[in-house]
Amino acid sequence: MCTYDTETVEIEGSAKGPDGWFEVTRAAVYVDHPHHAPFGHTLNIDFADPAQGPAARVAVELTEEAARALMAAIQAALDHAPAGLASRSAPV
């Protein structure tokens, strides 16, 4: 069952697509039928820069288990790094 619920968040970062690196300013997260993954439904994440058009997008389709493992890995990586090291205000 598709929920049609989409969570969007403004982000700051970069992603690599078929034409190279580009800025990403938004992430959309939703559960729906995947386009490529061999499952009935997946958690889908689209990293995009809408200002650059539809080509500036990287999509990820994850099982629920993989998405939860990714959340835990992100939390652990941030918890193990010094506070603020990956912050936008950290020195380059």
PDB file of N, CA and C in Angstrom:
ATOM      1  N   MET A   1       0.839  -1.182   0.000  1.00  0.00           N
ATOM      2  CA  MET A   1       0.000   0.000   0.000  1.00  0.00           C
ATOM      3  C   MET A   1       0.878   1.237   0.000  1.00  0.00           C
ATOM      4  N   CYS A   2       0.672   2.122  -0.920  1.00  0.00           N
ATOM      5  CA  CYS A   2       1.406   3.380  -0.952  1.00  0.00           C
ATOM      6  C   CYS A   2       0.760   4.346   0.032  1.00  0.00           C
ATOM      7  N   THR A   3       1.583   5.042   0.775  1.00  0.00           N
ATOM      8  CA  THR A   3       1.039   5.979   1.757  1.00  0.00           C
ATOM      9  C   THR A   3       0.780   7.357   1.144  1.00  0.00           C
ATOM     10  N   TYR A   4       1.487   7.673   0.098  1.00  0.00           N
ATOM     11  CA  TYR A   4       1.438   8.998  -0.536  1.00  0.00           C
ATOM     12  C   TYR A   4       1.896  10.102   0.404  1.00  0.00           C
ATOM     13  N   ASP A   5       2.460   9.723   1.544  1.00  0.00           N
ATOM     14  CA  ASP A   5       3.041  10.693   2.467  1.00  0.00           C
ATOM     15  C   ASP A   5       4.498  10.901   2.076  1.00  0.00           C
ATOM     16  N   THR A   6       4.862  12.138   1.843  1.00  0.00           N
ATOM     17  CA  THR A   6       6.237  12.476   1.496  1.00  0.00           C
ATOM     18  C   THR A   6       6.754  13.484   2.501  1.00  0.00           C
ATOM     19  N   GLU A   7       7.896  13.167   3.074  1.00  0.00           N
ATOM     20  CA  GLU A   7       8.577  14.083   3.976  1.00  0.00           C
ATOM     21  C   GLU A   7       9.658  14.782   3.176  1.00  0.00           C
ATOM     22  N   THR A   8       9.685  16.099   3.210  1.00  0.00           N
ATOM     23  CA  THR A   8      10.745  16.834   2.521  1.00  0.00           C
ATOM     24  C   THR A   8      11.525  17.649   3.536  1.00  0.00           C
ATOM     25  N   VAL A   9      12.801  17.791   3.265  1.00  0.00           N
ATOM     26  CA  VAL A   9      13.666  18.564   4.144  1.00  0.00           C
ATOM     27  C   VAL A   9      14.675  19.326   3.299  1.00  0.00           C
ATOM     28  N   GLU A  10      14.891  20.568   3.665  1.00  0.00           N
ATOM     29  CA  GLU A  10      15.925  21.358   3.000  1.00  0.00           C
ATOM     30  C   GLU A  10      17.269  20.886   3.547  1.00  0.00           C
ATOM     31  N   ILE A  11      18.226  20.641   2.653  1.00  0.00           N
ATOM     32  CA  ILE A  11      19.526  20.132   3.059  1.00  0.00           C
ATOM     33  C   ILE A  11      20.636  20.929   2.392  1.00  0.00           C
ATOM     34  N   GLU A  12      21.856  20.706   2.858  1.00  0.00           N
ATOM     35  CA  GLU A  12      23.035  21.308   2.252  1.00  0.00           C
ATOM     36  C   GLU A  12      24.050  20.198   2.030  1.00  0.00           C
ATOM     37  N   GLY A  13      24.456  20.016   0.798  1.00  0.00           N
ATOM     38  CA  GLY A  13      25.433  18.976   0.509  1.00  0.00           C
ATOM     39  C   GLY A  13      25.658  18.846  -0.978  1.00  0.00           C
ATOM     40  N   SER A  14      26.275  17.738  -1.348  1.00  0.00           N
ATOM     41  CA  SER A  14      26.569  17.454  -2.745  1.00  0.00           C
ATOM     42  C   SER A  14      26.222  16.004  -3.055  1.00  0.00           C
ATOM     43  N   ALA A  15      25.922  15.746  -4.310  1.00  0.00           N
ATOM     44  CA  ALA A  15      25.649  14.393  -4.784  1.00  0.00           C
ATOM     45  C   ALA A  15      26.301  14.238  -6.144  1.00  0.00           C
ATOM     46  N   LYS A  16      26.611  12.980  -6.485  1.00  0.00           N
ATOM     47  CA  LYS A  16      27.229  12.735  -7.782  1.00  0.00           C
ATOM     48  C   LYS A  16      26.238  12.005  -8.672  1.00  0.00           C
ATOM     49  N   GLY A  17      25.908  12.612  -9.793  1.00  0.00           N
ATOM     50  CA  GLY A  17      25.017  12.022 -10.772  1.00  0.00           C
ATOM     51  C   GLY A  17      25.780  11.648 -12.026  1.00  0.00           C
ATOM     52  N   PRO A  18      25.080  11.287 -13.083  1.00  0.00           N
ATOM     53  CA  PRO A  18      25.742  10.857 -14.315  1.00  0.00           C
ATOM     54  C   PRO A  18      26.594  11.943 -14.971  1.00  0.00           C
ATOM     55  N   ASP A  19      26.291  13.206 -14.680  1.00  0.00           N
ATOM     56  CA  ASP A  19      27.058  14.304 -15.266  1.00  0.00           C
ATOM     57  C   ASP A  19      28.056  14.911 -14.285  1.00  0.00           C
ATOM     58  N   GLY A  20      28.297  14.236 -13.155  1.00  0.00           N
ATOM     59  CA  GLY A  20      29.257  14.734 -12.167  1.00  0.00           C
ATOM     60  C   GLY A  20      28.574  15.240 -10.910  1.00  0.00           C
ATOM     61  N   TRP A  21      29.333  15.968 -10.120  1.00  0.00           N
ATOM     62  CA  TRP A  21      28.857  16.460  -8.832  1.00  0.00           C
ATOM     63  C   TRP A  21      27.939  17.664  -9.005  1.00  0.00           C
ATOM     64  N   PHE A  22      26.941  17.764  -8.130  1.00  0.00           N
ATOM     65  CA  PHE A  22      26.066  18.932  -8.105  1.00  0.00           C
ATOM     66  C   PHE A  22      25.606  19.166  -6.670  1.00  0.00           C
ATOM     67  N   GLU A  23      25.179  20.378  -6.404  1.00  0.00           N
ATOM     68  CA  GLU A  23      24.679  20.745  -5.083  1.00  0.00           C
ATOM     69  C   GLU A  23      23.317  20.085  -4.853  1.00  0.00           C
ATOM     70  N   VAL A  24      23.061  19.629  -3.638  1.00  0.00           N
ATOM     71  CA  VAL A  24      21.724  19.149  -3.288  1.00  0.00           C
ATOM     72  C   VAL A  24      21.161  20.066  -2.211  1.00  0.00           C
ATOM     73  N   THR A  25      19.917  20.459  -2.412  1.00  0.00           N
ATOM     74  CA  THR A  25      19.278  21.407  -1.501  1.00  0.00           C
ATOM     75  C   THR A  25      18.005  20.856  -0.877  1.00  0.00           C
ATOM     76  N   ARG A  26      17.552  19.701  -1.355  1.00  0.00           N
ATOM     77  CA  ARG A  26      16.315  19.134  -0.837  1.00  0.00           C
ATOM     78  C   ARG A  26      16.382  17.615  -0.878  1.00  0.00           C
ATOM     79  N   ALA A  27      15.793  17.004   0.144  1.00  0.00           N
ATOM     80  CA  ALA A  27      15.625  15.549   0.148  1.00  0.00           C
ATOM     81  C   ALA A  27      14.142  15.261   0.323  1.00  0.00           C
ATOM     82  N   ALA A  28      13.641  14.328  -0.448  1.00  0.00           N
ATOM     83  CA  ALA A  28      12.259  13.859  -0.321  1.00  0.00           C
ATOM     84  C   ALA A  28      12.325  12.389   0.079  1.00  0.00           C
ATOM     85  N   VAL A  29      11.563  12.028   1.100  1.00  0.00           N
ATOM     86  CA  VAL A  29      11.574  10.663   1.622  1.00  0.00           C
ATOM     87  C   VAL A  29      10.135  10.153   1.624  1.00  0.00           C
ATOM     88  N   TYR A  30       9.932   8.953   1.044  1.00  0.00           N
ATOM     89  CA  TYR A  30       8.580   8.422   0.936  1.00  0.00           C
ATOM     90  C   TYR A  30       8.625   6.916   0.737  1.00  0.00           C
ATOM     91  N   VAL A  31       7.529   6.238   1.053  1.00  0.00           N
ATOM     92  CA  VAL A  31       7.398   4.807   0.820  1.00  0.00           C
ATOM     93  C   VAL A  31       6.489   4.628  -0.392  1.00  0.00           C
ATOM     94  N   ASP A  32       6.976   3.889  -1.386  1.00  0.00           N
ATOM     95  CA  ASP A  32       6.222   3.727  -2.625  1.00  0.00           C
ATOM     96  C   ASP A  32       6.780   2.517  -3.375  1.00  0.00           C
ATOM     97  N   HIS A  33       6.205   2.233  -4.532  1.00  0.00           N
ATOM     98  CA  HIS A  33       6.736   1.196  -5.399  1.00  0.00           C
ATOM     99  C   HIS A  33       8.084   1.674  -5.932  1.00  0.00           C
ATOM    100  N   PRO A  34       9.097   0.807  -5.916  1.00  0.00           N
ATOM    101  CA  PRO A  34      10.387   1.226  -6.470  1.00  0.00           C
ATOM    102  C   PRO A  34      10.366   1.179  -8.001  1.00  0.00           C
ATOM    103  N   HIS A  35      11.281   1.914  -8.601  1.00  0.00           N
ATOM    104  CA  HIS A  35      11.438   1.861 -10.056  1.00  0.00           C
ATOM    105  C   HIS A  35      12.395   0.749 -10.460  1.00  0.00           C
ATOM    106  N   HIS A  36      13.356   0.432  -9.584  1.00  0.00           N
ATOM    107  CA  HIS A  36      14.380  -0.531  -9.960  1.00  0.00           C
ATOM    108  C   HIS A  36      14.554  -1.679  -8.967  1.00  0.00           C
ATOM    109  N   ALA A  37      14.522  -1.400  -7.673  1.00  0.00           N
ATOM    110  CA  ALA A  37      14.754  -2.445  -6.664  1.00  0.00           C
ATOM    111  C   ALA A  37      13.682  -3.542  -6.780  1.00  0.00           C
ATOM    112  N   PRO A  38      14.074  -4.803  -6.570  1.00  0.00           N
ATOM    113  CA  PRO A  38      13.147  -5.921  -6.779  1.00  0.00           C
ATOM    114  C   PRO A  38      12.244  -6.211  -5.573  1.00  0.00           C
ATOM    115  N   PHE A  39      11.537  -5.205  -5.107  1.00  0.00           N
ATOM    116  CA  PHE A  39      10.646  -5.355  -3.955  1.00  0.00           C
ATOM    117  C   PHE A  39       9.308  -4.701  -4.269  1.00  0.00           C
ATOM    118  N   GLY A  40       8.283  -5.068  -3.530  1.00  0.00           N
ATOM    119  CA  GLY A  40       6.962  -4.479  -3.748  1.00  0.00           C
ATOM    120  C   GLY A  40       6.905  -2.999  -3.388  1.00  0.00           C
ATOM    121  N   HIS A  41       7.547  -2.651  -2.280  1.00  0.00           N
ATOM    122  CA  HIS A  41       7.621  -1.263  -1.821  1.00  0.00           C
ATOM    123  C   HIS A  41       8.995  -1.036  -1.216  1.00  0.00           C
ATOM    124  N   THR A  42       9.442   0.192  -1.257  1.00  0.00           N
ATOM    125  CA  THR A  42      10.704   0.567  -0.639  1.00  0.00           C
ATOM    126  C   THR A  42      10.579   1.947  -0.022  1.00  0.00           C
ATOM    127  N   LEU A  43      11.530   2.246   0.859  1.00  0.00           N
ATOM    128  CA  LEU A  43      11.680   3.613   1.329  1.00  0.00           C
ATOM    129  C   LEU A  43      12.552   4.300   0.287  1.00  0.00           C
ATOM    130  N   ASN A  44      12.050   5.344  -0.295  1.00  0.00           N
ATOM    131  CA  ASN A  44      12.741   6.039  -1.386  1.00  0.00           C
ATOM    132  C   ASN A  44      13.223   7.395  -0.901  1.00  0.00           C
ATOM    133  N   ILE A  45      14.449   7.722  -1.257  1.00  0.00           N
ATOM    134  CA  ILE A  45      15.010   9.029  -0.926  1.00  0.00           C
ATOM    135  C   ILE A  45      15.493   9.658  -2.220  1.00  0.00           C
ATOM    136  N   ASP A  46      15.007  10.845  -2.500  1.00  0.00           N
ATOM    137  CA  ASP A  46      15.467  11.616  -3.655  1.00  0.00           C
ATOM    138  C   ASP A  46      16.266  12.802  -3.127  1.00  0.00           C
ATOM    139  N   PHE A  47      17.542  12.852  -3.470  1.00  0.00           N
ATOM    140  CA  PHE A  47      18.381  14.000  -3.160  1.00  0.00           C
ATOM    141  C   PHE A  47      18.396  14.865  -4.412  1.00  0.00           C
ATOM    142  N   ALA A  48      18.053  16.135  -4.293  1.00  0.00           N
ATOM    143  CA  ALA A  48      17.890  16.948  -5.499  1.00  0.00           C
ATOM    144  C   ALA A  48      18.235  18.411  -5.279  1.00  0.00           C
ATOM    145  N   ASP A  49      18.441  19.089  -6.396  1.00  0.00           N
ATOM    146  CA  ASP A  49      18.500  20.552  -6.438  1.00  0.00           C
ATOM    147  C   ASP A  49      17.443  20.984  -7.436  1.00  0.00           C
ATOM    148  N   PRO A  50      16.220  21.244  -6.962  1.00  0.00           N
ATOM    149  CA  PRO A  50      15.125  21.588  -7.870  1.00  0.00           C
ATOM    150  C   PRO A  50      15.433  22.767  -8.791  1.00  0.00           C
ATOM    151  N   ALA A  51      16.289  23.677  -8.355  1.00  0.00           N
ATOM    152  CA  ALA A  51      16.623  24.836  -9.185  1.00  0.00           C
ATOM    153  C   ALA A  51      17.352  24.429 -10.463  1.00  0.00           C
ATOM    154  N   GLN A  52      17.991  23.256 -10.464  1.00  0.00           N
ATOM    155  CA  GLN A  52      18.714  22.790 -11.645  1.00  0.00           C
ATOM    156  C   GLN A  52      17.879  21.874 -12.530  1.00  0.00           C
ATOM    157  N   GLY A  53      16.645  21.615 -12.158  1.00  0.00           N
ATOM    158  CA  GLY A  53      15.771  20.785 -12.974  1.00  0.00           C
ATOM    159  C   GLY A  53      15.829  19.315 -12.590  1.00  0.00           C
ATOM    160  N   PRO A  54      15.054  18.478 -13.283  1.00  0.00           N
ATOM    161  CA  PRO A  54      14.916  17.075 -12.908  1.00  0.00           C
ATOM    162  C   PRO A  54      16.185  16.239 -13.074  1.00  0.00           C
ATOM    163  N   ALA A  55      17.135  16.688 -13.855  1.00  0.00           N
ATOM    164  CA  ALA A  55      18.368  15.917 -14.026  1.00  0.00           C
ATOM    165  C   ALA A  55      19.269  15.996 -12.793  1.00  0.00           C
ATOM    166  N   ALA A  56      19.079  17.011 -11.959  1.00  0.00           N
ATOM    167  CA  ALA A  56      19.898  17.174 -10.754  1.00  0.00           C
ATOM    168  C   ALA A  56      19.231  16.416  -9.606  1.00  0.00           C
ATOM    169  N   ARG A  57      19.264  15.082  -9.713  1.00  0.00           N
ATOM    170  CA  ARG A  57      18.576  14.228  -8.745  1.00  0.00           C
ATOM    171  C   ARG A  57      19.314  12.904  -8.645  1.00  0.00           C
ATOM    172  N   VAL A  58      19.444  12.425  -7.412  1.00  0.00           N
ATOM    173  CA  VAL A  58      19.972  11.090  -7.152  1.00  0.00           C
ATOM    174  C   VAL A  58      18.927  10.382  -6.304  1.00  0.00           C
ATOM    175  N   ALA A  59      18.503   9.216  -6.741  1.00  0.00           N
ATOM    176  CA  ALA A  59      17.456   8.474  -6.048  1.00  0.00           C
ATOM    177  C   ALA A  59      18.028   7.214  -5.410  1.00  0.00           C
ATOM    178  N   VAL A  60      17.493   6.861  -4.235  1.00  0.00           N
ATOM    179  CA  VAL A  60      17.870   5.648  -3.521  1.00  0.00           C
ATOM    180  C   VAL A  60      16.596   4.913  -3.136  1.00  0.00           C
ATOM    181  N   GLU A  61      16.553   3.608  -3.361  1.00  0.00           N
ATOM    182  CA  GLU A  61      15.411   2.762  -2.982  1.00  0.00           C
ATOM    183  C   GLU A  61      15.917   1.712  -2.000  1.00  0.00           C
ATOM    184  N   LEU A  62      15.412   1.737  -0.770  1.00  0.00           N
ATOM    185  CA  LEU A  62      15.904   0.867   0.294  1.00  0.00           C
ATOM    186  C   LEU A  62      14.779   0.042   0.908  1.00  0.00           C
ATOM    187  N   THR A  63      15.115  -1.181   1.317  1.00  0.00           N
ATOM    188  CA  THR A  63      14.157  -1.935   2.117  1.00  0.00           C
ATOM    189  C   THR A  63      14.030  -1.255   3.472  1.00  0.00           C
ATOM    190  N   GLU A  64      12.977  -1.585   4.191  1.00  0.00           N
ATOM    191  CA  GLU A  64      12.805  -1.029   5.536  1.00  0.00           C
ATOM    192  C   GLU A  64      14.009  -1.355   6.418  1.00  0.00           C
ATOM    193  N   GLU A  65      14.494  -2.602   6.312  1.00  0.00           N
ATOM    194  CA  GLU A  65      15.633  -3.009   7.130  1.00  0.00           C
ATOM    195  C   GLU A  65      16.886  -2.209   6.779  1.00  0.00           C
ATOM    196  N   ALA A  66      17.114  -2.012   5.506  1.00  0.00           N
ATOM    197  CA  ALA A  66      18.283  -1.248   5.073  1.00  0.00           C
ATOM    198  C   ALA A  66      18.171   0.209   5.496  1.00  0.00           C
ATOM    199  N   ALA A  67      16.974   0.777   5.398  1.00  0.00           N
ATOM    200  CA  ALA A  67      16.773   2.172   5.799  1.00  0.00           C
ATOM    201  C   ALA A  67      17.024   2.350   7.293  1.00  0.00           C
ATOM    202  N   ARG A  68      16.544   1.406   8.099  1.00  0.00           N
ATOM    203  CA  ARG A  68      16.768   1.494   9.550  1.00  0.00           C
ATOM    204  C   ARG A  68      18.250   1.308   9.888  1.00  0.00           C
ATOM    205  N   ALA A  69      18.930   0.408   9.179  1.00  0.00           N
ATOM    206  CA  ALA A  69      20.362   0.220   9.393  1.00  0.00           C
ATOM    207  C   ALA A  69      21.135   1.478   8.992  1.00  0.00           C
ATOM    208  N   LEU A  70      20.713   2.126   7.914  1.00  0.00           N
ATOM    209  CA  LEU A  70      21.351   3.369   7.485  1.00  0.00           C
ATOM    210  C   LEU A  70      21.153   4.465   8.525  1.00  0.00           C
ATOM    211  N   MET A  71      19.940   4.586   9.064  1.00  0.00           N
ATOM    212  CA  MET A  71      19.688   5.586  10.113  1.00  0.00           C
ATOM    213  C   MET A  71      20.612   5.352  11.302  1.00  0.00           C
ATOM    214  N   ALA A  72      20.754   4.087  11.722  1.00  0.00           N
ATOM    215  CA  ALA A  72      21.608   3.761  12.862  1.00  0.00           C
ATOM    216  C   ALA A  72      23.073   4.071  12.550  1.00  0.00           C
ATOM    217  N   ALA A  73      23.512   3.779  11.324  1.00  0.00           N
ATOM    218  CA  ALA A  73      24.895   4.040  10.936  1.00  0.00           C
ATOM    219  C   ALA A  73      25.180   5.541  10.894  1.00  0.00           C
ATOM    220  N   ILE A  74      24.246   6.325  10.399  1.00  0.00           N
ATOM    221  CA  ILE A  74      24.407   7.783  10.385  1.00  0.00           C
ATOM    222  C   ILE A  74      24.506   8.309  11.807  1.00  0.00           C
ATOM    223  N   GLN A  75      23.622   7.848  12.680  1.00  0.00           N
ATOM    224  CA  GLN A  75      23.637   8.275  14.081  1.00  0.00           C
ATOM    225  C   GLN A  75      24.958   7.907  14.742  1.00  0.00           C
ATOM    226  N   ALA A  76      25.426   6.681  14.522  1.00  0.00           N
ATOM    227  CA  ALA A  76      26.684   6.240  15.128  1.00  0.00           C
ATOM    228  C   ALA A  76      27.868   7.050  14.614  1.00  0.00           C
ATOM    229  N   ALA A  77      27.914   7.304  13.302  1.00  0.00           N
ATOM    230  CA  ALA A  77      29.027   8.075  12.737  1.00  0.00           C
ATOM    231  C   ALA A  77      29.065   9.480  13.321  1.00  0.00           C
ATOM    232  N   LEU A  78      27.910  10.125  13.441  1.00  0.00           N
ATOM    233  CA  LEU A  78      27.867  11.467  14.022  1.00  0.00           C
ATOM    234  C   LEU A  78      28.204  11.449  15.503  1.00  0.00           C
ATOM    235  N   ASP A  79      27.751  10.429  16.217  1.00  0.00           N
ATOM    236  CA  ASP A  79      28.033  10.325  17.648  1.00  0.00           C
ATOM    237  C   ASP A  79      29.515  10.086  17.926  1.00  0.00           C
ATOM    238  N   HIS A  80      30.214   9.406  17.015  1.00  0.00           N
ATOM    239  CA  HIS A  80      31.624   9.101  17.225  1.00  0.00           C
ATOM    240  C   HIS A  80      32.560  10.227  16.785  1.00  0.00           C
ATOM    241  N   ALA A  81      32.067  11.146  15.994  1.00  0.00           N
ATOM    242  CA  ALA A  81      32.887  12.274  15.540  1.00  0.00           C
ATOM    243  C   ALA A  81      32.825  13.398  16.569  1.00  0.00           C
ATOM    244  N   PRO A  82      33.866  14.235  16.640  1.00  0.00           N
ATOM    245  CA  PRO A  82      33.790  15.386  17.528  1.00  0.00           C
ATOM    246  C   PRO A  82      32.577  16.262  17.168  1.00  0.00           C
ATOM    247  N   ALA A  83      31.906  16.756  18.169  1.00  0.00           N
ATOM    248  CA  ALA A  83      30.730  17.600  17.948  1.00  0.00           C
ATOM    249  C   ALA A  83      31.077  18.778  17.046  1.00  0.00           C
ATOM    250  N   GLY A  84      30.264  18.995  16.027  1.00  0.00           N
ATOM    251  CA  GLY A  84      30.430  20.125  15.120  1.00  0.00           C
ATOM    252  C   GLY A  84      31.417  19.909  13.989  1.00  0.00           C
ATOM    253  N   LEU A  85      32.096  18.756  13.957  1.00  0.00           N
ATOM    254  CA  LEU A  85      33.113  18.532  12.925  1.00  0.00           C
ATOM    255  C   LEU A  85      32.539  18.613  11.519  1.00  0.00           C
ATOM    256  N   ALA A  86      31.318  18.098  11.304  1.00  0.00           N
ATOM    257  CA  ALA A  86      30.691  18.118   9.977  1.00  0.00           C
ATOM    258  C   ALA A  86      29.658  19.236   9.858  1.00  0.00           C
ATOM    259  N   SER A  87      29.686  20.181  10.770  1.00  0.00           N
ATOM    260  CA  SER A  87      28.736  21.289  10.760  1.00  0.00           C
ATOM    261  C   SER A  87      29.070  22.266   9.641  1.00  0.00           C
ATOM    262  N   ARG A  88      28.062  22.969   9.164  1.00  0.00           N
ATOM    263  CA  ARG A  88      28.295  23.961   8.116  1.00  0.00           C
ATOM    264  C   ARG A  88      29.199  25.071   8.591  1.00  0.00           C
ATOM    265  N   SER A  89      29.284  25.289   9.921  1.00  0.00           N
ATOM    266  CA  SER A  89      30.121  26.360  10.461  1.00  0.00           C
ATOM    267  C   SER A  89      31.532  25.890  10.803  1.00  0.00           C
ATOM    268  N   ALA A  90      31.852  24.603  10.582  1.00  0.00           N
ATOM    269  CA  ALA A  90      33.204  24.110  10.860  1.00  0.00           C
ATOM    270  C   ALA A  90      34.174  24.672   9.832  1.00  0.00           C
ATOM    271  N   PRO A  91      35.404  24.939  10.256  1.00  0.00           N
ATOM    272  CA  PRO A  91      36.391  25.454   9.296  1.00  0.00           C
ATOM    273  C   PRO A  91      36.674  24.411   8.203  1.00  0.00           C
ATOM    274  N   VAL A  92      36.966  24.931   7.023  1.00  0.00           N
ATOM    275  CA  VAL A  92      37.239  24.049   5.874  1.00  0.00           C
ATOM    276  C   VAL A  92      38.691  23.638   5.861  1.00  0.00           C
TER     277      VAL A  92
END
